C-alpha atoms as a PDB file:
ATOM      1  CA  UNK A   1      79.197 105.967  93.791  1.00  0.00           C
ATOM      2  CA  UNK A   2      80.194 102.563  92.461  1.00  0.00           C
ATOM      3  CA  UNK A   3      79.807  99.656  94.894  1.00  0.00           C
ATOM      4  CA  UNK A   4      82.842  97.851  96.341  1.00  0.00           C
ATOM      5  CA  UNK A   5      85.402 100.016  94.583  1.00  0.00           C
ATOM      6  CA  UNK A   6      88.616 100.777  96.486  1.00  0.00           C
ATOM      7  CA  UNK A   7      88.920 104.343  97.699  1.00  0.00           C
ATOM      8  CA  UNK A   8      91.768 106.803  98.139  1.00  0.00           C
ATOM      9  CA  UNK A   9      92.006 109.887 100.314  1.00  0.00           C
ATOM     10  CA  UNK A  10      93.193 113.252  99.039  1.00  0.00           C
ATOM     11  CA  UNK A  11      93.952 116.022 101.526  1.00  0.00           C
ATOM     12  CA  UNK A  12      94.923 119.457 100.376  1.00  0.00           C
ATOM     13  CA  UNK A  13      95.539 122.879 101.768  1.00  0.00           C
ATOM     14  CA  UNK A  14      95.338 126.138  99.933  1.00  0.00           C
ATOM     15  CA  UNK A  15      98.548 127.453  98.434  1.00  0.00           C
ATOM     16  CA  UNK A  16      97.400 131.039  98.999  1.00  0.00           C
ATOM     17  CA  UNK A  17      98.055 133.231 102.008  1.00  0.00           C
ATOM     18  CA  UNK A  18      95.455 133.785 104.706  1.00  0.00           C
ATOM     19  CA  UNK A  19      92.108 132.123 105.398  1.00  0.00           C
ATOM     20  CA  UNK A  20      90.215 131.564 102.190  1.00  0.00           C
ATOM     21  CA  UNK A  21      86.784 130.380 103.030  1.00  0.00           C
ATOM     22  CA  UNK A  22      83.964 130.801 105.437  1.00  0.00           C
ATOM     23  CA  UNK A  23      81.795 127.954 106.655  1.00  0.00           C
ATOM     24  CA  UNK A  24      79.439 128.643 103.746  1.00  0.00           C
ATOM     25  CA  UNK A  25      82.281 128.404 101.219  1.00  0.00           C
ATOM     26  CA  UNK A  26      83.392 125.165 102.895  1.00  0.00           C
ATOM     27  CA  UNK A  27      79.906 123.699 102.464  1.00  0.00           C
ATOM     28  CA  UNK A  28      79.900 124.791  98.821  1.00  0.00           C
ATOM     29  CA  UNK A  29      83.265 123.067  98.227  1.00  0.00           C
ATOM     30  CA  UNK A  30      81.927 119.884  99.852  1.00  0.00           C
ATOM     31  CA  UNK A  31      78.744 119.916  97.758  1.00  0.00           C
ATOM     32  CA  UNK A  32      80.505 120.603  94.467  1.00  0.00           C
ATOM     33  CA  UNK A  33      83.187 117.947  94.998  1.00  0.00           C
ATOM     34  CA  UNK A  34      80.839 115.232  96.262  1.00  0.00           C
ATOM     35  CA  UNK A  35      78.649 115.793  93.175  1.00  0.00           C
ATOM     36  CA  UNK A  36      81.478 114.387  91.026  1.00  0.00           C
ATOM     37  CA  UNK A  37      80.855 110.806  89.937  1.00  0.00           C
ATOM     38  CA  UNK A  38      83.281 108.670  91.943  1.00  0.00           C
ATOM     39  CA  UNK A  39      83.503 111.015  94.939  1.00  0.00           C
ATOM     40  CA  UNK A  40      82.518 109.282  98.169  1.00  0.00           C
ATOM     41  CA  UNK A  41      82.782 112.201 100.585  1.00  0.00           C
ATOM     42  CA  UNK A  42      84.288 115.646 100.968  1.00  0.00           C
ATOM     43  CA  UNK A  43      85.040 117.526 104.164  1.00  0.00           C
ATOM     44  CA  UNK A  44      86.192 121.136 104.211  1.00  0.00           C
ATOM     45  CA  UNK A  45      87.649 122.344 107.485  1.00  0.00           C
ATOM     46  CA  UNK A  46      87.007 125.992 108.247  1.00  0.00           C
ATOM     47  CA  UNK A  47      89.494 125.928 111.143  1.00  0.00           C
ATOM     48  CA  UNK A  48      92.490 124.495 109.259  1.00  0.00           C
ATOM     49  CA  UNK A  49      91.599 125.745 105.761  1.00  0.00           C
ATOM     50  CA  UNK A  50      91.903 122.224 104.321  1.00  0.00           C
ATOM     51  CA  UNK A  51      89.787 119.875 102.232  1.00  0.00           C
ATOM     52  CA  UNK A  52      89.690 116.071 102.571  1.00  0.00           C
ATOM     53  CA  UNK A  53      88.173 114.038  99.742  1.00  0.00           C
ATOM     54  CA  UNK A  54      87.568 110.292  99.711  1.00  0.00           C
ATOM     55  CA  UNK A  55      87.190 109.132  96.124  1.00  0.00           C
ATOM     56  CA  UNK A  56      87.295 106.121  93.828  1.00  0.00           C
ATOM     57  CA  UNK A  57      90.293 106.617  91.506  1.00  0.00           C
ATOM     58  CA  UNK A  58      88.977 104.081  88.994  1.00  0.00           C
ATOM     59  CA  UNK A  59      86.070 106.429  88.266  1.00  0.00           C
ATOM     60  CA  UNK A  60      87.352 109.840  89.312  1.00  0.00           C
ATOM     61  CA  UNK A  61      90.904 110.947  88.445  1.00  0.00           C
ATOM     62  CA  UNK A  62      92.611 113.145  91.027  1.00  0.00           C
ATOM     63  CA  UNK A  63      93.121 115.966  88.535  1.00  0.00           C
ATOM     64  CA  UNK A  64      89.321 116.366  88.186  1.00  0.00           C
ATOM     65  CA  UNK A  65      89.033 116.922  91.943  1.00  0.00           C
ATOM     66  CA  UNK A  66      91.827 119.507  91.872  1.00  0.00           C
ATOM     67  CA  UNK A  67      90.325 121.318  88.868  1.00  0.00           C
ATOM     68  CA  UNK A  68      86.894 121.412  90.541  1.00  0.00           C
ATOM     69  CA  UNK A  69      88.258 122.812  93.814  1.00  0.00           C
ATOM     70  CA  UNK A  70      90.372 125.374  91.960  1.00  0.00           C
ATOM     71  CA  UNK A  71      87.345 126.464  89.912  1.00  0.00           C
ATOM     72  CA  UNK A  72      85.872 127.707  93.198  1.00  0.00           C
ATOM     73  CA  UNK A  73      88.942 129.867  93.863  1.00  0.00           C
ATOM     74  CA  UNK A  74      90.467 127.643  96.529  1.00  0.00           C
ATOM     75  CA  UNK A  75      93.930 127.294  94.946  1.00  0.00           C
ATOM     76  CA  UNK A  76      95.253 123.767  95.527  1.00  0.00           C
ATOM     77  CA  UNK A  77      97.831 121.726  93.667  1.00  0.00           C
ATOM     78  CA  UNK A  78      97.698 118.125  92.547  1.00  0.00           C
ATOM     79  CA  UNK A  79      99.662 116.127  95.065  1.00  0.00           C
ATOM     80  CA  UNK A  80      98.895 112.807  96.744  1.00  0.00           C
ATOM     81  CA  UNK A  81      98.218 112.607 100.447  1.00  0.00           C
ATOM     82  CA  UNK A  82     101.530 111.851 102.128  1.00  0.00           C
ATOM     83  CA  UNK A  83      99.809 110.864 105.386  1.00  0.00           C
ATOM     84  CA  UNK A  84      98.044 107.836 103.923  1.00  0.00           C
ATOM     85  CA  UNK A  85     100.261 104.798 103.439  1.00  0.00           C
ATOM     86  CA  UNK A  86      99.876 102.494 100.452  1.00  0.00           C
ATOM     87  CA  UNK A  87      98.830  99.694 102.836  1.00  0.00           C
ATOM     88  CA  UNK A  88      96.094 101.851 104.346  1.00  0.00           C
ATOM     89  CA  UNK A  89      94.867 102.727 100.869  1.00  0.00           C
ATOM     90  CA  UNK A  90      94.678  99.038  99.921  1.00  0.00           C
ATOM     91  CA  UNK A  91      92.573  98.329 103.020  1.00  0.00           C
ATOM     92  CA  UNK A  92      90.269 101.301 102.473  1.00  0.00           C
ATOM     93  CA  UNK A  93      87.247  99.942 100.601  1.00  0.00           C
ATOM     94  CA  UNK A  94      83.930 101.733 100.272  1.00  0.00           C
END
């Protein structure tokens, strides 16, 4: 992780039907995503079948996160988090 770089949040949900991962698969997703240079944290929710990633866009493009999650069979699309306002993103520093 690079110091003092602004962060963004990416939340995604699977585009496939039915629950896709167990707690173990969720931990694997978290470990694989957070290993990317520029990823600050990753949280996979077993209950809601979602993944939340906090990352530094200057060092880690969003498409790399999506490709990495999809490589594990999760099935997400590249789309920004609609719940995070631009103002909140500007205030969110690591």
